[in-house]
C-alpha atoms as a PDB file:
ATOM      1  CA  UNK A   1      93.408  84.765  77.367  1.00  0.00           C
ATOM      2  CA  UNK A   2      92.638  85.627  73.563  1.00  0.00           C
ATOM      3  CA  UNK A   3      88.993  86.815  73.579  1.00  0.00           C
ATOM      4  CA  UNK A   4      86.714  87.506  70.310  1.00  0.00           C
ATOM      5  CA  UNK A   5      84.141  89.709  71.303  1.00  0.00           C
ATOM      6  CA  UNK A   6      81.189  89.695  68.614  1.00  0.00           C
ATOM      7  CA  UNK A   7      79.979  93.345  67.711  1.00  0.00           C
ATOM      8  CA  UNK A   8      78.301  92.435  64.461  1.00  0.00           C
ATOM      9  CA  UNK A   9      74.850  93.794  65.636  1.00  0.00           C
ATOM     10  CA  UNK A  10      76.443  97.241  65.992  1.00  0.00           C
ATOM     11  CA  UNK A  11      75.353  97.635  62.449  1.00  0.00           C
ATOM     12  CA  UNK A  12      71.917  98.669  64.003  1.00  0.00           C
ATOM     13  CA  UNK A  13      72.408 102.202  65.279  1.00  0.00           C
ATOM     14  CA  UNK A  14      70.176 103.801  67.997  1.00  0.00           C
ATOM     15  CA  UNK A  15      69.349 100.534  69.460  1.00  0.00           C
ATOM     16  CA  UNK A  16      70.053  98.724  72.663  1.00  0.00           C
ATOM     17  CA  UNK A  17      72.233  96.049  71.209  1.00  0.00           C
ATOM     18  CA  UNK A  18      74.311  98.587  69.724  1.00  0.00           C
ATOM     19  CA  UNK A  19      74.939 100.289  73.143  1.00  0.00           C
ATOM     20  CA  UNK A  20      75.434  96.847  74.707  1.00  0.00           C
ATOM     21  CA  UNK A  21      78.301  95.875  72.279  1.00  0.00           C
ATOM     22  CA  UNK A  22      79.830  99.463  72.255  1.00  0.00           C
ATOM     23  CA  UNK A  23      79.898 100.005  76.102  1.00  0.00           C
ATOM     24  CA  UNK A  24      80.723  96.600  77.218  1.00  0.00           C
ATOM     25  CA  UNK A  25      83.251  96.308  74.561  1.00  0.00           C
ATOM     26  CA  UNK A  26      85.051  99.267  75.950  1.00  0.00           C
ATOM     27  CA  UNK A  27      84.572  98.379  79.548  1.00  0.00           C
ATOM     28  CA  UNK A  28      86.062  94.746  78.852  1.00  0.00           C
ATOM     29  CA  UNK A  29      89.239  96.507  77.381  1.00  0.00           C
ATOM     30  CA  UNK A  30      89.625  98.679  80.495  1.00  0.00           C
ATOM     31  CA  UNK A  31      89.164  95.769  82.955  1.00  0.00           C
ATOM     32  CA  UNK A  32      91.292  93.237  81.129  1.00  0.00           C
ATOM     33  CA  UNK A  33      94.331  91.596  82.752  1.00  0.00           C
ATOM     34  CA  UNK A  34      97.945  91.947  81.524  1.00  0.00           C
ATOM     35  CA  UNK A  35      97.852  88.587  79.691  1.00  0.00           C
ATOM     36  CA  UNK A  36      94.448  89.300  78.070  1.00  0.00           C
ATOM     37  CA  UNK A  37      93.841  90.171  74.348  1.00  0.00           C
ATOM     38  CA  UNK A  38      90.558  91.261  72.954  1.00  0.00           C
ATOM     39  CA  UNK A  39      89.824  91.197  69.233  1.00  0.00           C
ATOM     40  CA  UNK A  40      86.398  93.015  68.168  1.00  0.00           C
ATOM     41  CA  UNK A  41      84.380  91.094  65.364  1.00  0.00           C
ATOM     42  CA  UNK A  42      82.599  93.718  63.346  1.00  0.00           C
ATOM     43  CA  UNK A  43      82.263  95.025  59.789  1.00  0.00           C
ATOM     44  CA  UNK A  44      85.471  97.313  58.971  1.00  0.00           C
ATOM     45  CA  UNK A  45      83.034 100.443  58.456  1.00  0.00           C
ATOM     46  CA  UNK A  46      81.973 100.082  62.167  1.00  0.00           C
ATOM     47  CA  UNK A  47      85.667  99.843  63.500  1.00  0.00           C
ATOM     48  CA  UNK A  48      85.653 103.754  63.940  1.00  0.00           C
ATOM     49  CA  UNK A  49      83.728 103.313  67.064  1.00  0.00           C
ATOM     50  CA  UNK A  50      86.841 101.696  68.733  1.00  0.00           C
ATOM     51  CA  UNK A  51      90.341 102.908  69.060  1.00  0.00           C
ATOM     52  CA  UNK A  52      92.488 102.733  65.923  1.00  0.00           C
ATOM     53  CA  UNK A  53      95.009 100.528  67.728  1.00  0.00           C
ATOM     54  CA  UNK A  54      92.442  97.906  68.906  1.00  0.00           C
ATOM     55  CA  UNK A  55      92.655  94.417  67.353  1.00  0.00           C
ATOM     56  CA  UNK A  56      89.685  93.597  64.856  1.00  0.00           C
ATOM     57  CA  UNK A  57      88.173  90.549  63.125  1.00  0.00           C
ATOM     58  CA  UNK A  58      86.723  91.599  59.828  1.00  0.00           C
ATOM     59  CA  UNK A  59      83.091  90.626  59.646  1.00  0.00           C
ATOM     60  CA  UNK A  60      81.177  90.392  56.381  1.00  0.00           C
ATOM     61  CA  UNK A  61      77.808  88.651  55.402  1.00  0.00           C
ATOM     62  CA  UNK A  62      79.558  85.885  53.460  1.00  0.00           C
ATOM     63  CA  UNK A  63      80.619  84.379  56.870  1.00  0.00           C
ATOM     64  CA  UNK A  64      77.142  83.358  57.412  1.00  0.00           C
ATOM     65  CA  UNK A  65      77.889  80.455  55.177  1.00  0.00           C
ATOM     66  CA  UNK A  66      81.583  79.863  55.564  1.00  0.00           C
ATOM     67  CA  UNK A  67      82.892  80.935  58.884  1.00  0.00           C
ATOM     68  CA  UNK A  68      86.750  81.736  58.855  1.00  0.00           C
ATOM     69  CA  UNK A  69      89.014  79.695  61.377  1.00  0.00           C
ATOM     70  CA  UNK A  70      90.443  81.589  63.900  1.00  0.00           C
ATOM     71  CA  UNK A  71      92.956  79.393  65.515  1.00  0.00           C
ATOM     72  CA  UNK A  72      94.490  82.098  67.687  1.00  0.00           C
ATOM     73  CA  UNK A  73      91.109  82.597  69.860  1.00  0.00           C
ATOM     74  CA  UNK A  74      90.678  80.913  72.893  1.00  0.00           C
ATOM     75  CA  UNK A  75      87.206  81.916  73.663  1.00  0.00           C
ATOM     76  CA  UNK A  76      84.491  83.635  71.561  1.00  0.00           C
ATOM     77  CA  UNK A  77      81.766  85.776  73.096  1.00  0.00           C
ATOM     78  CA  UNK A  78      78.518  85.458  70.829  1.00  0.00           C
ATOM     79  CA  UNK A  79      76.621  88.536  72.130  1.00  0.00           C
ATOM     80  CA  UNK A  80      73.265  87.980  70.233  1.00  0.00           C
ATOM     81  CA  UNK A  81      71.202  84.915  70.813  1.00  0.00           C
ATOM     82  CA  UNK A  82      70.144  84.635  67.146  1.00  0.00           C
ATOM     83  CA  UNK A  83      73.506  85.379  65.577  1.00  0.00           C
ATOM     84  CA  UNK A  84      74.335  83.907  62.172  1.00  0.00           C
ATOM     85  CA  UNK A  85      78.024  84.126  62.933  1.00  0.00           C
ATOM     86  CA  UNK A  86      78.985  81.054  64.960  1.00  0.00           C
ATOM     87  CA  UNK A  87      82.742  79.755  65.056  1.00  0.00           C
ATOM     88  CA  UNK A  88      82.833  75.784  64.564  1.00  0.00           C
ATOM     89  CA  UNK A  89      86.148  75.088  66.085  1.00  0.00           C
ATOM     90  CA  UNK A  90      85.787  72.293  68.648  1.00  0.00           C
ATOM     91  CA  UNK A  91      88.775  73.636  70.633  1.00  0.00           C
ATOM     92  CA  UNK A  92      87.341  77.261  70.864  1.00  0.00           C
ATOM     93  CA  UNK A  93      85.221  77.874  74.162  1.00  0.00           C
ATOM     94  CA  UNK A  94      81.952  80.009  73.728  1.00  0.00           C
ATOM     95  CA  UNK A  95      80.004  82.160  75.715  1.00  0.00           C
ATOM     96  CA  UNK A  96      76.419  83.209  74.736  1.00  0.00           C
ATOM     97  CA  UNK A  97      74.442  86.098  75.843  1.00  0.00           C
ATOM     98  CA  UNK A  98      70.666  85.778  75.567  1.00  0.00           C
ATOM     99  CA  UNK A  99      69.006  89.203  75.960  1.00  0.00           C
ATOM    100  CA  UNK A 100      65.454  88.081  75.998  1.00  0.00           C
ATOM    101  CA  UNK A 101      62.936  85.531  74.651  1.00  0.00           C
ATOM    102  CA  UNK A 102      60.409  88.529  73.808  1.00  0.00           C
ATOM    103  CA  UNK A 103      58.701  86.553  71.153  1.00  0.00           C
ATOM    104  CA  UNK A 104      57.140  84.444  74.093  1.00  0.00           C
ATOM    105  CA  UNK A 105      55.347  87.817  75.247  1.00  0.00           C
ATOM    106  CA  UNK A 106      54.421  89.284  71.945  1.00  0.00           C
ATOM    107  CA  UNK A 107      51.555  86.948  70.964  1.00  0.00           C
ATOM    108  CA  UNK A 108      53.342  85.184  68.165  1.00  0.00           C
ATOM    109  CA  UNK A 109      51.534  82.280  66.498  1.00  0.00           C
ATOM    110  CA  UNK A 110      52.274  78.787  67.758  1.00  0.00           C
ATOM    111  CA  UNK A 111      54.276  77.912  64.795  1.00  0.00           C
ATOM    112  CA  UNK A 112      56.449  81.174  64.810  1.00  0.00           C
ATOM    113  CA  UNK A 113      57.131  80.376  68.547  1.00  0.00           C
ATOM    114  CA  UNK A 114      58.071  77.053  67.943  1.00  0.00           C
ATOM    115  CA  UNK A 115      60.526  78.150  65.021  1.00  0.00           C
ATOM    116  CA  UNK A 116      62.217  80.898  67.259  1.00  0.00           C
ATOM    117  CA  UNK A 117      62.596  78.303  70.189  1.00  0.00           C
ATOM    118  CA  UNK A 118      64.236  75.686  67.680  1.00  0.00           C
ATOM    119  CA  UNK A 119      66.684  78.629  66.529  1.00  0.00           C
ATOM    120  CA  UNK A 120      67.591  79.511  70.048  1.00  0.00           C
ATOM    121  CA  UNK A 121      67.998  75.852  71.097  1.00  0.00           C
ATOM    122  CA  UNK A 122      70.446  75.393  68.166  1.00  0.00           C
ATOM    123  CA  UNK A 123      72.686  78.143  69.332  1.00  0.00           C
ATOM    124  CA  UNK A 124      72.546  77.253  73.127  1.00  0.00           C
ATOM    125  CA  UNK A 125      73.619  73.805  72.027  1.00  0.00           C
ATOM    126  CA  UNK A 126      76.731  75.339  70.598  1.00  0.00           C
ATOM    127  CA  UNK A 127      77.533  77.117  73.900  1.00  0.00           C
ATOM    128  CA  UNK A 128      79.709  76.160  76.616  1.00  0.00           C
ATOM    129  CA  UNK A 129      78.246  79.115  79.166  1.00  0.00           C
ATOM    130  CA  UNK A 130      75.066  81.192  78.777  1.00  0.00           C
ATOM    131  CA  UNK A 131      74.789  84.754  80.338  1.00  0.00           C
ATOM    132  CA  UNK A 132      71.245  86.207  80.718  1.00  0.00           C
ATOM    133  CA  UNK A 133      70.765  90.061  81.180  1.00  0.00           C
ATOM    134  CA  UNK A 134      68.041  89.608  83.872  1.00  0.00           C
ATOM    135  CA  UNK A 135      66.587  87.057  86.170  1.00  0.00           C
ATOM    136  CA  UNK A 136      63.350  87.371  84.088  1.00  0.00           C
ATOM    137  CA  UNK A 137      65.143  86.211  80.970  1.00  0.00           C
ATOM    138  CA  UNK A 138      66.948  83.366  82.858  1.00  0.00           C
ATOM    139  CA  UNK A 139      63.667  81.980  83.924  1.00  0.00           C
ATOM    140  CA  UNK A 140      62.411  82.313  80.448  1.00  0.00           C
ATOM    141  CA  UNK A 141      65.320  80.267  79.409  1.00  0.00           C
ATOM    142  CA  UNK A 142      64.750  77.450  82.030  1.00  0.00           C
ATOM    143  CA  UNK A 143      61.106  77.290  81.328  1.00  0.00           C
ATOM    144  CA  UNK A 144      61.292  77.036  77.398  1.00  0.00           C
ATOM    145  CA  UNK A 145      64.658  75.754  76.420  1.00  0.00           C
ATOM    146  CA  UNK A 146      66.895  72.923  77.423  1.00  0.00           C
ATOM    147  CA  UNK A 147      70.201  74.256  78.712  1.00  0.00           C
ATOM    148  CA  UNK A 148      71.360  70.757  80.078  1.00  0.00           C
ATOM    149  CA  UNK A 149      74.105  71.280  82.555  1.00  0.00           C
ATOM    150  CA  UNK A 150      75.487  74.428  80.819  1.00  0.00           C
ATOM    151  CA  UNK A 151      75.949  77.173  83.680  1.00  0.00           C
ATOM    152  CA  UNK A 152      73.578  80.290  83.318  1.00  0.00           C
ATOM    153  CA  UNK A 153      74.914  83.259  84.849  1.00  0.00           C
ATOM    154  CA  UNK A 154      72.840  86.810  85.193  1.00  0.00           C
ATOM    155  CA  UNK A 155      74.675  89.818  84.564  1.00  0.00           C
ATOM    156  CA  UNK A 156      72.893  92.909  84.184  1.00  0.00           C
ATOM    157  CA  UNK A 157      73.789  95.566  81.868  1.00  0.00           C
ATOM    158  CA  UNK A 158      75.517  98.640  82.581  1.00  0.00           C
ATOM    159  CA  UNK A 159      74.449 102.263  81.898  1.00  0.00           C
ATOM    160  CA  UNK A 160      76.960 104.817  80.774  1.00  0.00           C
ATOM    161  CA  UNK A 161      77.039 108.214  82.628  1.00  0.00           C
ATOM    162  CA  UNK A 162      75.969 110.816  80.340  1.00  0.00           C
ATOM    163  CA  UNK A 163      77.302 114.381  80.398  1.00  0.00           C
ATOM    164  CA  UNK A 164      74.908 117.081  78.940  1.00  0.00           C
ATOM    165  CA  UNK A 165      76.390 119.925  77.308  1.00  0.00           C
ATOM    166  CA  UNK A 166      74.973 123.281  78.377  1.00  0.00           C
ATOM    167  CA  UNK A 167      74.987 124.137  74.585  1.00  0.00           C
ATOM    168  CA  UNK A 168      72.622 121.241  73.809  1.00  0.00           C
ATOM    169  CA  UNK A 169      69.345 122.071  72.174  1.00  0.00           C
ATOM    170  CA  UNK A 170      67.430 119.373  70.433  1.00  0.00           C
ATOM    171  CA  UNK A 171      65.825 119.835  66.927  1.00  0.00           C
ATOM    172  CA  UNK A 172      62.227 119.780  68.692  1.00  0.00           C
ATOM    173  CA  UNK A 173      61.614 121.628  71.740  1.00  0.00           C
ATOM    174  CA  UNK A 174      58.101 121.301  73.400  1.00  0.00           C
ATOM    175  CA  UNK A 175      55.868 124.328  73.451  1.00  0.00           C
ATOM    176  CA  UNK A 176      54.556 122.969  77.041  1.00  0.00           C
ATOM    177  CA  UNK A 177      55.732 120.741  79.952  1.00  0.00           C
ATOM    178  CA  UNK A 178      56.179 117.300  78.358  1.00  0.00           C
ATOM    179  CA  UNK A 179      56.447 113.684  79.060  1.00  0.00           C
ATOM    180  CA  UNK A 180      59.172 111.512  77.401  1.00  0.00           C
ATOM    181  CA  UNK A 181      59.391 107.886  76.000  1.00  0.00           C
ATOM    182  CA  UNK A 182      62.273 106.273  74.111  1.00  0.00           C
ATOM    183  CA  UNK A 183      62.352 103.256  72.227  1.00  0.00           C
ATOM    184  CA  UNK A 184      62.025 101.741  68.983  1.00  0.00           C
ATOM    185  CA  UNK A 185      58.500 102.811  67.675  1.00  0.00           C
ATOM    186  CA  UNK A 186      57.094  99.170  67.329  1.00  0.00           C
ATOM    187  CA  UNK A 187      54.040  97.409  68.907  1.00  0.00           C
ATOM    188  CA  UNK A 188      56.083  95.739  71.818  1.00  0.00           C
ATOM    189  CA  UNK A 189      57.023  99.276  73.252  1.00  0.00           C
ATOM    190  CA  UNK A 190      53.332  99.647  73.613  1.00  0.00           C
ATOM    191  CA  UNK A 191      53.655 103.448  73.422  1.00  0.00           C
ATOM    192  CA  UNK A 192      49.950 103.856  72.160  1.00  0.00           C
ATOM    193  CA  UNK A 193      48.583 103.217  75.729  1.00  0.00           C
ATOM    194  CA  UNK A 194      50.232 106.326  77.106  1.00  0.00           C
ATOM    195  CA  UNK A 195      47.763 108.628  74.848  1.00  0.00           C
ATOM    196  CA  UNK A 196      45.140 108.897  77.778  1.00  0.00           C
ATOM    197  CA  UNK A 197      47.548 110.584  80.000  1.00  0.00           C
ATOM    198  CA  UNK A 198      47.098 113.815  77.854  1.00  0.00           C
ATOM    199  CA  UNK A 199      43.564 114.177  78.739  1.00  0.00           C
ATOM    200  CA  UNK A 200      42.595 117.057  81.281  1.00  0.00           C
ATOM    201  CA  UNK A 201      45.975 118.627  81.068  1.00  0.00           C
ATOM    202  CA  UNK A 202      48.605 120.414  78.702  1.00  0.00           C
ATOM    203  CA  UNK A 203      51.300 117.968  78.616  1.00  0.00           C
ATOM    204  CA  UNK A 204      52.956 117.102  75.402  1.00  0.00           C
ATOM    205  CA  UNK A 205      54.149 113.554  74.660  1.00  0.00           C
ATOM    206  CA  UNK A 206      57.390 113.188  72.792  1.00  0.00           C
ATOM    207  CA  UNK A 207      58.185 109.782  71.603  1.00  0.00           C
ATOM    208  CA  UNK A 208      61.816 109.429  70.210  1.00  0.00           C
ATOM    209  CA  UNK A 209      63.284 106.242  68.555  1.00  0.00           C
ATOM    210  CA  UNK A 210      63.635 104.481  65.162  1.00  0.00           C
ATOM    211  CA  UNK A 211      60.192 104.602  63.742  1.00  0.00           C
ATOM    212  CA  UNK A 212      58.080 101.664  62.230  1.00  0.00           C
ATOM    213  CA  UNK A 213      55.318 103.576  60.186  1.00  0.00           C
ATOM    214  CA  UNK A 214      52.608 101.313  60.830  1.00  0.00           C
ATOM    215  CA  UNK A 215      53.000 101.546  64.440  1.00  0.00           C
ATOM    216  CA  UNK A 216      53.357 105.258  64.443  1.00  0.00           C
ATOM    217  CA  UNK A 217      50.080 105.453  62.469  1.00  0.00           C
ATOM    218  CA  UNK A 218      48.434 103.540  65.157  1.00  0.00           C
ATOM    219  CA  UNK A 219      49.721 105.812  67.796  1.00  0.00           C
ATOM    220  CA  UNK A 220      48.507 108.932  65.983  1.00  0.00           C
ATOM    221  CA  UNK A 221      44.949 107.236  65.533  1.00  0.00           C
ATOM    222  CA  UNK A 222      44.822 107.036  69.036  1.00  0.00           C
ATOM    223  CA  UNK A 223      46.025 110.473  69.623  1.00  0.00           C
ATOM    224  CA  UNK A 224      43.105 111.580  67.042  1.00  0.00           C
ATOM    225  CA  UNK A 225      40.571 109.581  69.056  1.00  0.00           C
ATOM    226  CA  UNK A 226      41.318 111.356  72.210  1.00  0.00           C
ATOM    227  CA  UNK A 227      41.592 114.663  70.503  1.00  0.00           C
ATOM    228  CA  UNK A 228      45.389 115.232  71.473  1.00  0.00           C
ATOM    229  CA  UNK A 229      46.924 114.724  68.005  1.00  0.00           C
ATOM    230  CA  UNK A 230      48.470 118.392  68.203  1.00  0.00           C
ATOM    231  CA  UNK A 231      50.419 117.277  71.424  1.00  0.00           C
ATOM    232  CA  UNK A 232      51.974 113.937  70.571  1.00  0.00           C
ATOM    233  CA  UNK A 233      55.200 114.187  68.583  1.00  0.00           C
ATOM    234  CA  UNK A 234      56.911 111.045  67.385  1.00  0.00           C
ATOM    235  CA  UNK A 235      60.270 112.486  66.499  1.00  0.00           C
ATOM    236  CA  UNK A 236      62.386 109.574  65.123  1.00  0.00           C
ATOM    237  CA  UNK A 237      65.985 108.806  66.552  1.00  0.00           C
ATOM    238  CA  UNK A 238      67.747 111.407  68.519  1.00  0.00           C
ATOM    239  CA  UNK A 239      71.421 111.994  69.220  1.00  0.00           C
ATOM    240  CA  UNK A 240      72.859 111.192  72.588  1.00  0.00           C
ATOM    241  CA  UNK A 241      72.931 114.797  73.647  1.00  0.00           C
ATOM    242  CA  UNK A 242      69.422 115.260  72.488  1.00  0.00           C
ATOM    243  CA  UNK A 243      68.452 112.267  74.553  1.00  0.00           C
ATOM    244  CA  UNK A 244      70.110 113.431  77.673  1.00  0.00           C
ATOM    245  CA  UNK A 245      68.345 116.980  77.108  1.00  0.00           C
ATOM    246  CA  UNK A 246      64.816 115.165  76.990  1.00  0.00           C
ATOM    247  CA  UNK A 247      65.585 113.335  80.034  1.00  0.00           C
ATOM    248  CA  UNK A 248      66.523 116.334  81.976  1.00  0.00           C
ATOM    249  CA  UNK A 249      63.809 118.586  80.953  1.00  0.00           C
ATOM    250  CA  UNK A 250      60.932 116.147  80.903  1.00  0.00           C
ATOM    251  CA  UNK A 251      58.195 116.004  83.650  1.00  0.00           C
ATOM    252  CA  UNK A 252      58.427 112.166  83.641  1.00  0.00           C
ATOM    253  CA  UNK A 253      59.646 109.333  81.585  1.00  0.00           C
ATOM    254  CA  UNK A 254      57.300 106.559  80.461  1.00  0.00           C
ATOM    255  CA  UNK A 255      58.242 103.068  79.241  1.00  0.00           C
ATOM    256  CA  UNK A 256      55.111 100.857  79.166  1.00  0.00           C
ATOM    257  CA  UNK A 257      56.953  98.009  76.982  1.00  0.00           C
ATOM    258  CA  UNK A 258      55.349  94.540  77.225  1.00  0.00           C
ATOM    259  CA  UNK A 259      58.351  92.627  76.209  1.00  0.00           C
ATOM    260  CA  UNK A 260      61.847  93.449  77.618  1.00  0.00           C
ATOM    261  CA  UNK A 261      65.113  91.698  78.349  1.00  0.00           C
ATOM    262  CA  UNK A 262      66.333  94.480  80.425  1.00  0.00           C
ATOM    263  CA  UNK A 263      65.688  98.028  79.704  1.00  0.00           C
ATOM    264  CA  UNK A 264      68.574 100.752  79.820  1.00  0.00           C
ATOM    265  CA  UNK A 265      66.312 104.002  78.869  1.00  0.00           C
ATOM    266  CA  UNK A 266      64.732 103.774  82.322  1.00  0.00           C
ATOM    267  CA  UNK A 267      68.105 103.706  84.090  1.00  0.00           C
ATOM    268  CA  UNK A 268      69.168 106.650  81.995  1.00  0.00           C
ATOM    269  CA  UNK A 269      66.099 108.601  83.101  1.00  0.00           C
ATOM    270  CA  UNK A 270      66.317 107.634  86.501  1.00  0.00           C
ATOM    271  CA  UNK A 271      70.120 108.996  86.558  1.00  0.00           C
ATOM    272  CA  UNK A 272      68.270 112.423  86.410  1.00  0.00           C
ATOM    273  CA  UNK A 273      66.057 111.681  89.347  1.00  0.00           C
ATOM    274  CA  UNK A 274      63.010 111.701  87.261  1.00  0.00           C
ATOM    275  CA  UNK A 275      59.671 109.949  88.100  1.00  0.00           C
ATOM    276  CA  UNK A 276      59.754 106.749  85.837  1.00  0.00           C
ATOM    277  CA  UNK A 277      56.542 104.955  84.932  1.00  0.00           C
ATOM    278  CA  UNK A 278      57.231 101.345  83.854  1.00  0.00           C
ATOM    279  CA  UNK A 279      54.932  98.310  82.638  1.00  0.00           C
ATOM    280  CA  UNK A 280      55.132  95.772  85.425  1.00  0.00           C
ATOM    281  CA  UNK A 281      55.621  93.054  82.544  1.00  0.00           C
ATOM    282  CA  UNK A 282      58.839  90.961  82.016  1.00  0.00           C
ATOM    283  CA  UNK A 283      62.087  92.389  83.536  1.00  0.00           C
ATOM    284  CA  UNK A 284      61.320  95.838  84.377  1.00  0.00           C
ATOM    285  CA  UNK A 285      60.597  95.578  87.925  1.00  0.00           C
ATOM    286  CA  UNK A 286      64.135  94.376  88.329  1.00  0.00           C
ATOM    287  CA  UNK A 287      65.401  97.565  86.852  1.00  0.00           C
ATOM    288  CA  UNK A 288      62.988 100.078  88.498  1.00  0.00           C
ATOM    289  CA  UNK A 289      62.933  98.384  92.020  1.00  0.00           C
ATOM    290  CA  UNK A 290      60.965 100.343  94.464  1.00  0.00           C
ATOM    291  CA  UNK A 291      61.826 103.698  93.094  1.00  0.00           C
ATOM    292  CA  UNK A 292      59.656 103.321  89.863  1.00  0.00           C
ATOM    293  CA  UNK A 293      55.794 103.417  89.269  1.00  0.00           C
ATOM    294  CA  UNK A 294      54.075 100.618  87.582  1.00  0.00           C
ATOM    295  CA  UNK A 295      51.276 100.089  85.042  1.00  0.00           C
ATOM    296  CA  UNK A 296      49.784  96.756  86.075  1.00  0.00           C
ATOM    297  CA  UNK A 297      46.997  96.971  83.357  1.00  0.00           C
ATOM    298  CA  UNK A 298      46.843  98.987  80.175  1.00  0.00           C
ATOM    299  CA  UNK A 299      43.131 100.121  80.957  1.00  0.00           C
ATOM    300  CA  UNK A 300      43.040 103.799  80.395  1.00  0.00           C
ATOM    301  CA  UNK A 301      41.635 104.793  83.558  1.00  0.00           C
ATOM    302  CA  UNK A 302      44.009 102.681  85.542  1.00  0.00           C
ATOM    303  CA  UNK A 303      47.030 104.039  83.539  1.00  0.00           C
ATOM    304  CA  UNK A 304      45.752 107.569  84.216  1.00  0.00           C
ATOM    305  CA  UNK A 305      45.320 106.892  87.893  1.00  0.00           C
ATOM    306  CA  UNK A 306      48.984 105.189  88.150  1.00  0.00           C
ATOM    307  CA  UNK A 307      50.253 108.286  86.582  1.00  0.00           C
ATOM    308  CA  UNK A 308      48.355 111.030  88.507  1.00  0.00           C
ATOM    309  CA  UNK A 309      48.980 108.994  91.794  1.00  0.00           C
ATOM    310  CA  UNK A 310      52.735 108.695  91.081  1.00  0.00           C
ATOM    311  CA  UNK A 311      53.162 112.249  90.221  1.00  0.00           C
ATOM    312  CA  UNK A 312      51.751 113.398  93.480  1.00  0.00           C
ATOM    313  CA  UNK A 313      53.638 110.832  95.503  1.00  0.00           C
ATOM    314  CA  UNK A 314      56.878 112.108  93.663  1.00  0.00           C
ATOM    315  CA  UNK A 315      56.183 115.809  94.220  1.00  0.00           C
ATOM    316  CA  UNK A 316      55.253 115.192  97.908  1.00  0.00           C
ATOM    317  CA  UNK A 317      58.306 113.055  98.899  1.00  0.00           C
ATOM    318  CA  UNK A 318      61.011 114.425  96.523  1.00  0.00           C
ATOM    319  CA  UNK A 319      62.910 111.121  96.051  1.00  0.00           C
ATOM    320  CA  UNK A 320      65.278 112.222  93.333  1.00  0.00           C
ATOM    321  CA  UNK A 321      68.406 111.508  95.207  1.00  0.00           C
ATOM    322  CA  UNK A 322      66.979 107.960  96.260  1.00  0.00           C
ATOM    323  CA  UNK A 323      66.258 107.271  92.579  1.00  0.00           C
ATOM    324  CA  UNK A 324      69.772 108.390  91.364  1.00  0.00           C
ATOM    325  CA  UNK A 325      71.162 106.301  94.063  1.00  0.00           C
ATOM    326  CA  UNK A 326      69.493 103.317  92.814  1.00  0.00           C
ATOM    327  CA  UNK A 327      70.973 103.565  89.367  1.00  0.00           C
ATOM    328  CA  UNK A 328      74.522 103.298  90.686  1.00  0.00           C
ATOM    329  CA  UNK A 329      74.244  99.344  90.725  1.00  0.00           C
ATOM    330  CA  UNK A 330      74.147  99.315  86.949  1.00  0.00           C
ATOM    331  CA  UNK A 331      77.473 100.135  85.473  1.00  0.00           C
ATOM    332  CA  UNK A 332      79.422  98.799  82.666  1.00  0.00           C
ATOM    333  CA  UNK A 333      82.606  98.291  84.804  1.00  0.00           C
ATOM    334  CA  UNK A 334      80.770  95.752  87.140  1.00  0.00           C
ATOM    335  CA  UNK A 335      79.476  94.122  84.073  1.00  0.00           C
ATOM    336  CA  UNK A 336      82.964  93.771  82.492  1.00  0.00           C
ATOM    337  CA  UNK A 337      84.282  92.340  85.668  1.00  0.00           C
ATOM    338  CA  UNK A 338      81.319  89.743  85.789  1.00  0.00           C
ATOM    339  CA  UNK A 339      82.054  88.802  82.275  1.00  0.00           C
ATOM    340  CA  UNK A 340      85.827  88.163  82.687  1.00  0.00           C
ATOM    341  CA  UNK A 341      84.862  86.007  85.522  1.00  0.00           C
ATOM    342  CA  UNK A 342      82.656  83.933  83.412  1.00  0.00           C
ATOM    343  CA  UNK A 343      85.347  83.939  80.629  1.00  0.00           C
ATOM    344  CA  UNK A 344      87.850  82.486  82.928  1.00  0.00           C
ATOM    345  CA  UNK A 345      85.466  79.968  84.583  1.00  0.00           C
ATOM    346  CA  UNK A 346      84.393  78.872  80.909  1.00  0.00           C
ATOM    347  CA  UNK A 347      88.140  78.394  79.881  1.00  0.00           C
ATOM    348  CA  UNK A 348      88.634  75.920  83.052  1.00  0.00           C
ATOM    349  CA  UNK A 349      85.496  74.014  82.464  1.00  0.00           C
END
C-alpha cells in the first residue's frame, strides 16, 4: 500500500493536532508491513520532525486552489476534519479523521453552527471511511451529520511515554505547592473556573499553553476578584521537558474543558499517578474513567467541594499505581495498528 499521511496541521506547534500527526506518523512507520510505503504531506520547513530518508509530499498554501495529482498514492489519510487540502482523484481511497465537533458545545450562533456543519458535511462526502477519536465524537457525528453507509471507526489517540531528565528545571518554579493546568488558553478550556480553588490555602495555579490574550485577561480578572492574582501564573507554551517537570511536581492536574474530542494532557498527568480533575463534559469521562475526579458543574462551591473531596480521597487511598495502569491503554502503537486495519479495509471496500 502506498499511503499519504497528511501532516499539514503540524504548522501549529504546541497543540494536540501537532502531537497527533507527529506521534501517529512515526508509529505508522514503525508498524507498517514490508510492502507498505508512507509519504508525509507537509511543508518542507517541517520535514525536520521526521527522518531524512522518509518520503515526503511537499505542501504549500497554493494547493488549496489547485491540488496536485498524486497518481502513485493508493490511499490518502486526511488527519483534520476541516482540511483545505483534499485530493480530487476518484481512484484514490480516502480516510478522514474527525477529532471533534466542539463548535456544537461552545455556544456558537445558529448561523455559525450551520456553516460549520456544512463544511464538515462536504469533507465527509468525499471520504470513504471515517475515524472518530472518541465514542463521544462518533455520537456527535451520527446525531448532526449524514455519514450515509460510510464506516465510522473509533480509534483512541495514544500518549507518548515521556522521560524526564534529572537536569530539567523550568523557567518558572512555583514558590509554594502548585496545581497545574495545560492547554491553549482560550474560553473552551474553561480555566477561569479554577480560581476559587485557591481560596483558603497557599496553592499556586500554573496554567501553561499558547495564550489568547483576551481570555488570559479574563482569568486574571477572576483572580483579582478572589484576591489571589499573585498566585495565578499564566506562563505560555512550555517545552516537552518543562511540561513533564510540572506534571511530576504538581499537587494535582486540572482540566475543566467544556469541549474536547479526546484530551491527551490528562493522560500525560495520570502517567505520573497524579490526582486529575476533569470536566464531565464531552469526551473526558472516556479518558479519565474511574480513576479521575469530575466537575459536574462550574459553581465555585461545587468545584471547591469536588477538589477537596478528591484530594482527601486520593491521600487516603493512594491510587497512583491504579491511575498509571489505567493510562497504558492509550498508546500510539495500538493506535497505528488500528489505523493500518482501517486502511486495508478501506482499500478492499
